[in-house]
């Protein structure tokens, strides 16, 4: 579980009693989709005929662009989660990449899933290399992700990483 027990109002939209603007919600979804897209090749290399994780990432962008509703984005997220379960015995890196894609799509529903997309992407790159190279891969992916954080949500995401690092396998430290 990568969500906190108590929801952070900074990740709840204004219309639902939180402090998150729609513009920032959209930026979180885009950033999460970028994180997931960066590692998608691990899944597609293992399962080239399965487009469910790719479609989940596309759904995140479609939601941001107003092309689909939140519930439809959630459907795509669920399909990516199913793909992750099915690839479990084939490749752990592929499984993590599919989970990242699912998290990216479900940011439309719960903005705090942005961190799940990032954390699973980091775990994907770590699983793709030998154990002795995992720390370097983790650091490199963290840097890649942070370099792409829009300035307007950067402080929010970095604070979220600090607060939830323990429930995200300490991948952000």
N, C-alpha and C. Protein backbone atom coordinates (compact mmCIF):
# COMPACT_ATOMS: atom_id res chain seq x y z
N UNK A 1 0.85 -1.18 0.00
CA UNK A 1 0.00 0.00 0.00
C UNK A 1 0.88 1.23 0.00
N UNK A 2 0.71 2.09 -0.96
CA UNK A 2 1.55 3.28 -1.06
C UNK A 2 0.82 4.55 -0.67
N UNK A 3 -0.43 4.43 -0.31
CA UNK A 3 -1.19 5.62 0.13
C UNK A 3 -1.14 5.71 1.65
N UNK A 4 -1.09 6.95 2.17
CA UNK A 4 -1.06 7.10 3.62
C UNK A 4 -2.42 6.74 4.23
N UNK A 5 -2.41 6.40 5.51
CA UNK A 5 -3.67 6.08 6.18
C UNK A 5 -4.58 7.30 6.26
N UNK A 6 -3.98 8.45 6.45
CA UNK A 6 -4.73 9.70 6.50
C UNK A 6 -4.39 10.49 5.23
N UNK A 7 -5.40 10.84 4.48
CA UNK A 7 -5.18 11.54 3.21
C UNK A 7 -4.67 12.95 3.45
N UNK A 8 -3.70 13.33 2.67
CA UNK A 8 -3.10 14.66 2.71
C UNK A 8 -3.99 15.60 1.91
N UNK A 9 -4.52 16.63 2.55
CA UNK A 9 -5.44 17.56 1.87
C UNK A 9 -4.80 18.25 0.68
N UNK A 10 -3.48 18.27 0.64
CA UNK A 10 -2.80 18.90 -0.51
C UNK A 10 -3.02 18.09 -1.78
N UNK A 11 -3.45 16.84 -1.65
CA UNK A 11 -3.69 15.98 -2.81
C UNK A 11 -5.18 15.71 -3.02
N UNK A 12 -6.00 16.51 -2.38
CA UNK A 12 -7.45 16.44 -2.56
C UNK A 12 -7.86 17.73 -3.25
N UNK A 13 -8.65 17.63 -4.29
CA UNK A 13 -9.02 18.82 -5.06
C UNK A 13 -9.87 19.78 -4.23
N UNK A 14 -9.83 21.02 -4.64
CA UNK A 14 -10.59 22.08 -3.96
C UNK A 14 -12.07 21.73 -3.84
N UNK A 15 -12.66 21.19 -4.89
CA UNK A 15 -14.10 20.91 -4.87
C UNK A 15 -14.44 19.77 -3.92
N UNK A 16 -13.43 19.03 -3.46
CA UNK A 16 -13.68 17.94 -2.51
C UNK A 16 -13.17 18.29 -1.11
N UNK A 17 -12.85 19.57 -0.91
CA UNK A 17 -12.44 20.02 0.42
C UNK A 17 -10.95 20.08 0.67
N UNK A 18 -10.17 19.82 -0.35
CA UNK A 18 -8.72 19.89 -0.21
C UNK A 18 -8.18 21.21 -0.73
N UNK A 19 -6.90 21.21 -1.05
CA UNK A 19 -6.25 22.44 -1.51
C UNK A 19 -5.65 22.30 -2.92
N UNK A 20 -5.86 21.17 -3.55
CA UNK A 20 -5.26 20.92 -4.86
C UNK A 20 -6.09 21.54 -5.99
N UNK A 21 -5.47 22.38 -6.79
CA UNK A 21 -6.17 22.95 -7.95
C UNK A 21 -6.23 21.91 -9.07
N UNK A 22 -7.17 22.09 -9.97
CA UNK A 22 -7.25 21.19 -11.12
C UNK A 22 -5.97 21.26 -11.95
N UNK A 23 -5.41 22.44 -12.10
CA UNK A 23 -4.18 22.59 -12.89
C UNK A 23 -3.04 21.78 -12.28
N UNK A 24 -2.91 21.82 -10.96
CA UNK A 24 -1.85 21.04 -10.31
C UNK A 24 -2.16 19.55 -10.36
N UNK A 25 -3.43 19.18 -10.26
CA UNK A 25 -3.83 17.78 -10.39
C UNK A 25 -3.40 17.27 -11.76
N UNK A 26 -3.64 18.05 -12.78
CA UNK A 26 -3.25 17.66 -14.14
C UNK A 26 -1.73 17.53 -14.26
N UNK A 27 -1.00 18.44 -13.66
CA UNK A 27 0.47 18.36 -13.70
C UNK A 27 0.97 17.10 -13.00
N UNK A 28 0.34 16.74 -11.89
CA UNK A 28 0.71 15.50 -11.20
C UNK A 28 0.47 14.29 -12.10
N UNK A 29 -0.66 14.30 -12.81
CA UNK A 29 -0.98 13.18 -13.71
C UNK A 29 0.01 13.10 -14.86
N UNK A 30 0.38 14.23 -15.41
CA UNK A 30 1.35 14.24 -16.51
C UNK A 30 2.70 13.74 -16.04
N UNK A 31 3.14 14.23 -14.89
CA UNK A 31 4.44 13.80 -14.36
C UNK A 31 4.43 12.29 -14.08
N UNK A 32 3.35 11.80 -13.48
CA UNK A 32 3.24 10.37 -13.21
C UNK A 32 3.28 9.57 -14.51
N UNK A 33 2.59 10.05 -15.54
CA UNK A 33 2.60 9.36 -16.83
C UNK A 33 3.99 9.36 -17.44
N UNK A 34 4.71 10.46 -17.29
CA UNK A 34 6.09 10.51 -17.80
C UNK A 34 6.98 9.50 -17.08
N UNK A 35 6.81 9.40 -15.77
CA UNK A 35 7.59 8.42 -15.00
C UNK A 35 7.30 7.01 -15.49
N UNK A 36 6.03 6.71 -15.68
CA UNK A 36 5.63 5.37 -16.13
C UNK A 36 6.11 5.10 -17.56
N UNK A 37 5.98 6.09 -18.42
CA UNK A 37 6.40 5.92 -19.81
C UNK A 37 7.90 5.66 -19.91
N UNK A 38 8.66 6.24 -19.00
CA UNK A 38 10.12 6.09 -19.03
C UNK A 38 10.56 4.64 -18.83
N UNK A 39 9.75 3.85 -18.14
CA UNK A 39 10.12 2.45 -17.86
C UNK A 39 9.22 1.46 -18.59
N UNK A 40 8.30 1.94 -19.39
CA UNK A 40 7.35 1.06 -20.07
C UNK A 40 8.04 0.00 -20.92
N UNK A 41 9.20 0.32 -21.45
CA UNK A 41 9.91 -0.64 -22.32
C UNK A 41 10.21 -1.95 -21.60
N UNK A 42 10.34 -1.95 -20.28
CA UNK A 42 10.58 -3.21 -19.56
C UNK A 42 9.38 -4.14 -19.73
N UNK A 43 8.19 -3.58 -19.67
CA UNK A 43 7.00 -4.41 -19.87
C UNK A 43 6.87 -4.80 -21.33
N UNK A 44 7.03 -3.85 -22.22
CA UNK A 44 6.82 -4.14 -23.64
C UNK A 44 7.87 -5.10 -24.20
N UNK A 45 9.07 -5.08 -23.65
CA UNK A 45 10.08 -6.06 -24.06
C UNK A 45 9.66 -7.48 -23.66
N UNK A 46 9.05 -7.59 -22.48
CA UNK A 46 8.63 -8.90 -21.97
C UNK A 46 7.32 -9.37 -22.61
N UNK A 47 6.44 -8.45 -22.92
CA UNK A 47 5.10 -8.78 -23.44
C UNK A 47 4.75 -7.84 -24.58
N UNK A 48 5.39 -7.98 -25.72
CA UNK A 48 5.20 -7.01 -26.80
C UNK A 48 3.77 -6.95 -27.36
N UNK A 49 2.98 -7.97 -27.15
CA UNK A 49 1.62 -7.98 -27.69
C UNK A 49 0.60 -7.36 -26.73
N UNK A 50 1.02 -7.06 -25.52
CA UNK A 50 0.09 -6.58 -24.49
C UNK A 50 0.23 -5.06 -24.37
N UNK A 51 -0.82 -4.35 -24.74
CA UNK A 51 -0.76 -2.89 -24.73
C UNK A 51 -1.47 -2.26 -23.54
N UNK A 52 -1.88 -3.05 -22.56
CA UNK A 52 -2.65 -2.50 -21.44
C UNK A 52 -1.87 -1.44 -20.64
N UNK A 53 -0.62 -1.64 -20.29
CA UNK A 53 0.09 -0.56 -19.59
C UNK A 53 0.25 0.70 -20.45
N UNK A 54 0.54 0.55 -21.72
CA UNK A 54 0.66 1.71 -22.61
C UNK A 54 -0.68 2.46 -22.68
N UNK A 55 -1.75 1.71 -22.75
CA UNK A 55 -3.07 2.35 -22.82
C UNK A 55 -3.41 3.07 -21.51
N UNK A 56 -2.91 2.56 -20.39
CA UNK A 56 -3.12 3.23 -19.10
C UNK A 56 -2.40 4.58 -19.09
N UNK A 57 -1.18 4.59 -19.58
CA UNK A 57 -0.42 5.86 -19.66
C UNK A 57 -1.14 6.83 -20.59
N UNK A 58 -1.59 6.34 -21.72
CA UNK A 58 -2.33 7.19 -22.65
C UNK A 58 -3.62 7.71 -22.01
N UNK A 59 -4.23 6.90 -21.16
CA UNK A 59 -5.45 7.33 -20.47
C UNK A 59 -5.18 8.49 -19.52
N UNK A 60 -4.02 8.48 -18.89
CA UNK A 60 -3.67 9.60 -18.00
C UNK A 60 -3.64 10.90 -18.80
N UNK A 61 -3.00 10.87 -19.96
CA UNK A 61 -2.96 12.06 -20.82
C UNK A 61 -4.35 12.42 -21.33
N UNK A 62 -5.12 11.41 -21.69
CA UNK A 62 -6.47 11.67 -22.20
C UNK A 62 -7.34 12.32 -21.13
N UNK A 63 -7.19 11.88 -19.89
CA UNK A 63 -7.95 12.50 -18.80
C UNK A 63 -7.54 13.97 -18.63
N UNK A 64 -6.24 14.23 -18.63
CA UNK A 64 -5.76 15.60 -18.51
C UNK A 64 -6.33 16.47 -19.62
N UNK A 65 -6.43 15.93 -20.82
CA UNK A 65 -6.93 16.68 -21.98
C UNK A 65 -8.45 16.72 -22.06
N UNK A 66 -9.13 16.14 -21.10
CA UNK A 66 -10.59 16.16 -21.08
C UNK A 66 -11.23 15.21 -22.08
N UNK A 67 -10.46 14.25 -22.57
CA UNK A 67 -10.96 13.32 -23.58
C UNK A 67 -11.68 12.13 -22.98
N UNK A 68 -11.38 11.81 -21.73
CA UNK A 68 -12.07 10.73 -21.03
C UNK A 68 -12.37 11.18 -19.61
N UNK A 69 -13.33 10.53 -18.99
CA UNK A 69 -13.70 10.81 -17.61
C UNK A 69 -12.80 10.02 -16.66
N UNK A 70 -12.79 10.44 -15.41
CA UNK A 70 -11.97 9.80 -14.40
C UNK A 70 -12.26 8.30 -14.29
N UNK A 71 -13.51 7.92 -14.32
CA UNK A 71 -13.86 6.49 -14.18
C UNK A 71 -13.28 5.65 -15.33
N UNK A 72 -13.21 6.21 -16.51
CA UNK A 72 -12.62 5.49 -17.64
C UNK A 72 -11.11 5.34 -17.43
N UNK A 73 -10.46 6.38 -16.92
CA UNK A 73 -9.03 6.29 -16.61
C UNK A 73 -8.80 5.19 -15.57
N UNK A 74 -9.69 5.10 -14.60
CA UNK A 74 -9.58 4.03 -13.59
C UNK A 74 -9.68 2.65 -14.22
N UNK A 75 -10.55 2.51 -15.22
CA UNK A 75 -10.66 1.22 -15.92
C UNK A 75 -9.34 0.83 -16.56
N UNK A 76 -8.68 1.79 -17.20
CA UNK A 76 -7.39 1.52 -17.82
C UNK A 76 -6.34 1.18 -16.77
N UNK A 77 -6.42 1.83 -15.62
CA UNK A 77 -5.50 1.51 -14.52
C UNK A 77 -5.68 0.07 -14.08
N UNK A 78 -6.92 -0.35 -13.94
CA UNK A 78 -7.19 -1.73 -13.54
C UNK A 78 -6.66 -2.73 -14.55
N UNK A 79 -6.77 -2.42 -15.82
CA UNK A 79 -6.25 -3.32 -16.85
C UNK A 79 -4.72 -3.43 -16.76
N UNK A 80 -4.05 -2.32 -16.46
CA UNK A 80 -2.59 -2.36 -16.29
C UNK A 80 -2.22 -3.19 -15.07
N UNK A 81 -3.02 -3.08 -14.01
CA UNK A 81 -2.78 -3.89 -12.81
C UNK A 81 -2.93 -5.37 -13.14
N UNK A 82 -3.93 -5.70 -13.95
CA UNK A 82 -4.11 -7.09 -14.38
C UNK A 82 -2.89 -7.57 -15.16
N UNK A 83 -2.39 -6.72 -16.05
CA UNK A 83 -1.20 -7.08 -16.83
C UNK A 83 -0.01 -7.33 -15.90
N UNK A 84 0.10 -6.54 -14.85
CA UNK A 84 1.20 -6.71 -13.89
C UNK A 84 1.10 -8.08 -13.21
N UNK A 85 -0.10 -8.46 -12.82
CA UNK A 85 -0.27 -9.77 -12.18
C UNK A 85 0.10 -10.90 -13.13
N UNK A 86 -0.26 -10.74 -14.40
CA UNK A 86 -0.01 -11.80 -15.37
C UNK A 86 1.45 -11.95 -15.74
N UNK A 87 2.25 -10.90 -15.58
CA UNK A 87 3.66 -10.96 -15.95
C UNK A 87 4.56 -11.28 -14.75
N UNK A 88 3.95 -11.47 -13.61
CA UNK A 88 4.69 -11.66 -12.35
C UNK A 88 5.79 -12.72 -12.46
N UNK A 89 5.51 -13.83 -13.08
CA UNK A 89 6.49 -14.92 -13.16
C UNK A 89 7.44 -14.79 -14.35
N UNK A 90 7.29 -13.75 -15.13
CA UNK A 90 8.14 -13.55 -16.31
C UNK A 90 9.26 -12.56 -16.00
N UNK A 91 8.90 -11.42 -15.44
CA UNK A 91 9.88 -10.37 -15.20
C UNK A 91 9.39 -9.42 -14.12
N UNK A 92 10.19 -9.26 -13.08
CA UNK A 92 9.83 -8.33 -12.01
C UNK A 92 9.92 -6.88 -12.50
N UNK A 93 10.87 -6.60 -13.36
CA UNK A 93 10.98 -5.24 -13.92
C UNK A 93 9.73 -4.93 -14.75
N UNK A 94 9.26 -5.90 -15.52
CA UNK A 94 8.05 -5.70 -16.32
C UNK A 94 6.84 -5.50 -15.42
N UNK A 95 6.76 -6.27 -14.35
CA UNK A 95 5.64 -6.14 -13.41
C UNK A 95 5.62 -4.75 -12.79
N UNK A 96 6.78 -4.27 -12.37
CA UNK A 96 6.86 -2.94 -11.76
C UNK A 96 6.49 -1.85 -12.77
N UNK A 97 6.90 -2.03 -14.02
CA UNK A 97 6.57 -1.04 -15.06
C UNK A 97 5.07 -1.00 -15.29
N UNK A 98 4.42 -2.15 -15.31
CA UNK A 98 2.96 -2.19 -15.49
C UNK A 98 2.25 -1.56 -14.30
N UNK A 99 2.75 -1.82 -13.10
CA UNK A 99 2.17 -1.20 -11.91
C UNK A 99 2.33 0.32 -11.95
N UNK A 100 3.47 0.78 -12.42
CA UNK A 100 3.70 2.22 -12.57
C UNK A 100 2.67 2.83 -13.51
N UNK A 101 2.43 2.16 -14.63
CA UNK A 101 1.44 2.65 -15.60
C UNK A 101 0.05 2.71 -14.98
N UNK A 102 -0.31 1.69 -14.23
CA UNK A 102 -1.61 1.68 -13.57
C UNK A 102 -1.74 2.83 -12.57
N UNK A 103 -0.68 3.08 -11.82
CA UNK A 103 -0.71 4.19 -10.86
C UNK A 103 -0.86 5.52 -11.59
N UNK A 104 -0.19 5.66 -12.72
CA UNK A 104 -0.28 6.92 -13.48
C UNK A 104 -1.72 7.18 -13.92
N UNK A 105 -2.39 6.16 -14.39
CA UNK A 105 -3.77 6.34 -14.87
C UNK A 105 -4.72 6.67 -13.72
N UNK A 106 -4.48 6.12 -12.56
CA UNK A 106 -5.42 6.32 -11.46
C UNK A 106 -5.17 7.63 -10.70
N UNK A 107 -4.16 8.38 -11.10
CA UNK A 107 -3.98 9.73 -10.55
C UNK A 107 -5.23 10.57 -10.83
N UNK A 108 -5.92 10.28 -11.91
CA UNK A 108 -7.16 10.98 -12.23
C UNK A 108 -8.17 10.84 -11.10
N UNK A 109 -8.17 9.70 -10.45
CA UNK A 109 -9.10 9.43 -9.35
C UNK A 109 -8.57 9.94 -8.02
N UNK A 110 -7.32 9.60 -7.70
CA UNK A 110 -6.69 10.01 -6.44
C UNK A 110 -5.31 10.56 -6.79
N UNK A 111 -5.16 11.86 -6.64
CA UNK A 111 -3.92 12.52 -7.05
C UNK A 111 -2.69 11.95 -6.36
N UNK A 112 -2.85 11.46 -5.14
CA UNK A 112 -1.71 10.94 -4.38
C UNK A 112 -1.09 9.69 -5.00
N UNK A 113 -1.72 9.11 -6.00
CA UNK A 113 -1.11 7.97 -6.70
C UNK A 113 0.08 8.40 -7.55
N UNK A 114 0.30 9.71 -7.67
CA UNK A 114 1.45 10.20 -8.42
C UNK A 114 2.73 9.59 -7.89
N UNK A 115 2.81 9.42 -6.58
CA UNK A 115 4.02 8.88 -5.98
C UNK A 115 4.16 7.39 -6.28
N UNK A 116 3.04 6.70 -6.42
CA UNK A 116 3.09 5.28 -6.77
C UNK A 116 3.68 5.07 -8.14
N UNK A 117 3.28 5.91 -9.10
CA UNK A 117 3.84 5.79 -10.45
C UNK A 117 5.35 5.97 -10.41
N UNK A 118 5.81 6.96 -9.65
CA UNK A 118 7.24 7.22 -9.55
C UNK A 118 7.97 6.09 -8.83
N UNK A 119 7.42 5.63 -7.71
CA UNK A 119 8.07 4.58 -6.92
C UNK A 119 8.16 3.27 -7.70
N UNK A 120 7.09 2.88 -8.36
CA UNK A 120 7.13 1.65 -9.15
C UNK A 120 8.10 1.78 -10.33
N UNK A 121 8.19 2.96 -10.91
CA UNK A 121 9.16 3.16 -12.00
C UNK A 121 10.58 2.97 -11.48
N UNK A 122 10.86 3.51 -10.31
CA UNK A 122 12.19 3.34 -9.72
C UNK A 122 12.45 1.86 -9.45
N UNK A 123 11.47 1.18 -8.91
CA UNK A 123 11.64 -0.25 -8.65
C UNK A 123 11.85 -1.03 -9.95
N UNK A 124 11.20 -0.61 -11.03
CA UNK A 124 11.39 -1.28 -12.32
C UNK A 124 12.84 -1.20 -12.76
N UNK A 125 13.43 -0.02 -12.69
CA UNK A 125 14.84 0.11 -13.13
C UNK A 125 15.76 -0.65 -12.20
N UNK A 126 15.43 -0.71 -10.93
CA UNK A 126 16.25 -1.46 -9.99
C UNK A 126 16.20 -2.96 -10.27
N UNK A 127 15.00 -3.44 -10.61
CA UNK A 127 14.85 -4.87 -10.90
C UNK A 127 15.50 -5.27 -12.23
N UNK A 128 15.74 -4.31 -13.09
CA UNK A 128 16.27 -4.60 -14.42
C UNK A 128 17.79 -4.76 -14.44
N UNK A 129 18.43 -4.47 -13.32
CA UNK A 129 19.90 -4.53 -13.28
C UNK A 129 20.35 -5.52 -12.19
N UNK A 130 21.59 -5.97 -12.28
CA UNK A 130 22.11 -6.85 -11.22
C UNK A 130 22.09 -6.13 -9.86
N UNK A 131 22.01 -6.91 -8.78
CA UNK A 131 21.88 -6.34 -7.44
C UNK A 131 22.95 -5.30 -7.12
N UNK A 132 24.16 -5.52 -7.55
CA UNK A 132 25.24 -4.58 -7.21
C UNK A 132 25.08 -3.22 -7.91
N UNK A 133 24.24 -3.16 -8.94
CA UNK A 133 24.01 -1.92 -9.68
C UNK A 133 22.70 -1.22 -9.29
N UNK A 134 21.95 -1.80 -8.39
CA UNK A 134 20.62 -1.28 -8.08
C UNK A 134 20.64 0.10 -7.44
N UNK A 135 21.55 0.34 -6.55
CA UNK A 135 21.58 1.65 -5.90
C UNK A 135 21.89 2.75 -6.91
N UNK A 136 22.82 2.51 -7.80
CA UNK A 136 23.13 3.51 -8.83
C UNK A 136 21.93 3.72 -9.75
N UNK A 137 21.23 2.63 -10.09
CA UNK A 137 20.04 2.74 -10.94
C UNK A 137 18.95 3.52 -10.23
N UNK A 138 18.77 3.27 -8.94
CA UNK A 138 17.77 3.99 -8.15
C UNK A 138 18.06 5.49 -8.15
N UNK A 139 19.29 5.83 -7.88
CA UNK A 139 19.68 7.25 -7.83
C UNK A 139 19.49 7.92 -9.19
N UNK A 140 19.88 7.23 -10.24
CA UNK A 140 19.76 7.79 -11.58
C UNK A 140 18.29 8.03 -11.95
N UNK A 141 17.43 7.07 -11.64
CA UNK A 141 16.01 7.23 -11.96
C UNK A 141 15.38 8.33 -11.11
N UNK A 142 15.75 8.41 -9.84
CA UNK A 142 15.24 9.50 -8.99
C UNK A 142 15.62 10.86 -9.59
N UNK A 143 16.85 10.97 -10.02
CA UNK A 143 17.30 12.23 -10.61
C UNK A 143 16.53 12.52 -11.89
N UNK A 144 16.35 11.51 -12.74
CA UNK A 144 15.61 11.69 -13.99
C UNK A 144 14.20 12.22 -13.67
N UNK A 145 13.54 11.59 -12.70
CA UNK A 145 12.18 12.00 -12.34
C UNK A 145 12.15 13.43 -11.80
N UNK A 146 13.06 13.72 -10.91
CA UNK A 146 13.07 15.05 -10.29
C UNK A 146 13.40 16.13 -11.29
N UNK A 147 14.22 15.81 -12.26
CA UNK A 147 14.55 16.78 -13.31
C UNK A 147 13.33 17.14 -14.15
N UNK A 148 12.33 16.29 -14.17
CA UNK A 148 11.14 16.52 -14.97
C UNK A 148 9.95 17.07 -14.17
N UNK A 149 10.14 17.27 -12.91
CA UNK A 149 9.07 17.83 -12.07
C UNK A 149 8.81 19.27 -12.45
N UNK A 150 7.59 19.60 -12.80
CA UNK A 150 7.27 21.01 -13.04
C UNK A 150 7.51 21.82 -11.76
N UNK A 151 8.05 22.98 -11.92
CA UNK A 151 8.39 23.82 -10.77
C UNK A 151 7.20 24.06 -9.85
N UNK A 152 6.03 24.23 -10.43
CA UNK A 152 4.85 24.58 -9.62
C UNK A 152 4.39 23.45 -8.69
N UNK A 153 4.78 22.21 -8.98
CA UNK A 153 4.43 21.10 -8.09
C UNK A 153 5.65 20.45 -7.47
N UNK A 154 6.82 20.96 -7.77
CA UNK A 154 8.06 20.34 -7.30
C UNK A 154 8.14 20.21 -5.79
N UNK A 155 7.89 21.29 -5.08
CA UNK A 155 7.97 21.26 -3.62
C UNK A 155 6.96 20.29 -3.03
N UNK A 156 5.75 20.27 -3.58
CA UNK A 156 4.71 19.36 -3.12
C UNK A 156 5.14 17.91 -3.28
N UNK A 157 5.64 17.55 -4.45
CA UNK A 157 6.03 16.16 -4.71
C UNK A 157 7.24 15.77 -3.87
N UNK A 158 8.22 16.64 -3.76
CA UNK A 158 9.41 16.31 -2.97
C UNK A 158 9.05 16.13 -1.49
N UNK A 159 8.13 16.95 -0.98
CA UNK A 159 7.69 16.78 0.40
C UNK A 159 6.91 15.48 0.54
N UNK A 160 6.11 15.14 -0.45
CA UNK A 160 5.37 13.88 -0.43
C UNK A 160 6.34 12.70 -0.42
N UNK A 161 7.40 12.80 -1.21
CA UNK A 161 8.41 11.74 -1.20
C UNK A 161 9.02 11.58 0.19
N UNK A 162 9.32 12.69 0.82
CA UNK A 162 9.91 12.65 2.16
C UNK A 162 8.94 12.00 3.15
N UNK A 163 7.67 12.39 3.09
CA UNK A 163 6.67 11.90 4.03
C UNK A 163 6.31 10.42 3.81
N UNK A 164 6.32 9.98 2.57
CA UNK A 164 5.89 8.60 2.28
C UNK A 164 7.02 7.69 1.84
N UNK A 165 8.25 8.11 2.00
CA UNK A 165 9.38 7.30 1.57
C UNK A 165 9.35 5.91 2.23
N UNK A 166 8.97 5.86 3.50
CA UNK A 166 8.97 4.57 4.20
C UNK A 166 7.95 3.59 3.61
N UNK A 167 6.79 4.07 3.19
CA UNK A 167 5.80 3.14 2.62
C UNK A 167 6.02 2.93 1.12
N UNK A 168 7.02 3.60 0.57
CA UNK A 168 7.39 3.42 -0.85
C UNK A 168 8.77 2.75 -0.93
N UNK A 169 9.05 1.85 0.00
CA UNK A 169 10.25 1.03 -0.03
C UNK A 169 11.55 1.85 0.03
N UNK A 170 11.48 3.06 0.54
CA UNK A 170 12.63 3.94 0.70
C UNK A 170 13.34 4.23 -0.63
N UNK A 171 12.60 4.22 -1.72
CA UNK A 171 13.23 4.43 -3.03
C UNK A 171 13.60 5.90 -3.28
N UNK A 172 13.05 6.82 -2.51
CA UNK A 172 13.30 8.23 -2.74
C UNK A 172 14.46 8.80 -1.93
N UNK A 173 14.99 8.02 -1.00
CA UNK A 173 16.06 8.55 -0.15
C UNK A 173 17.42 8.41 -0.78
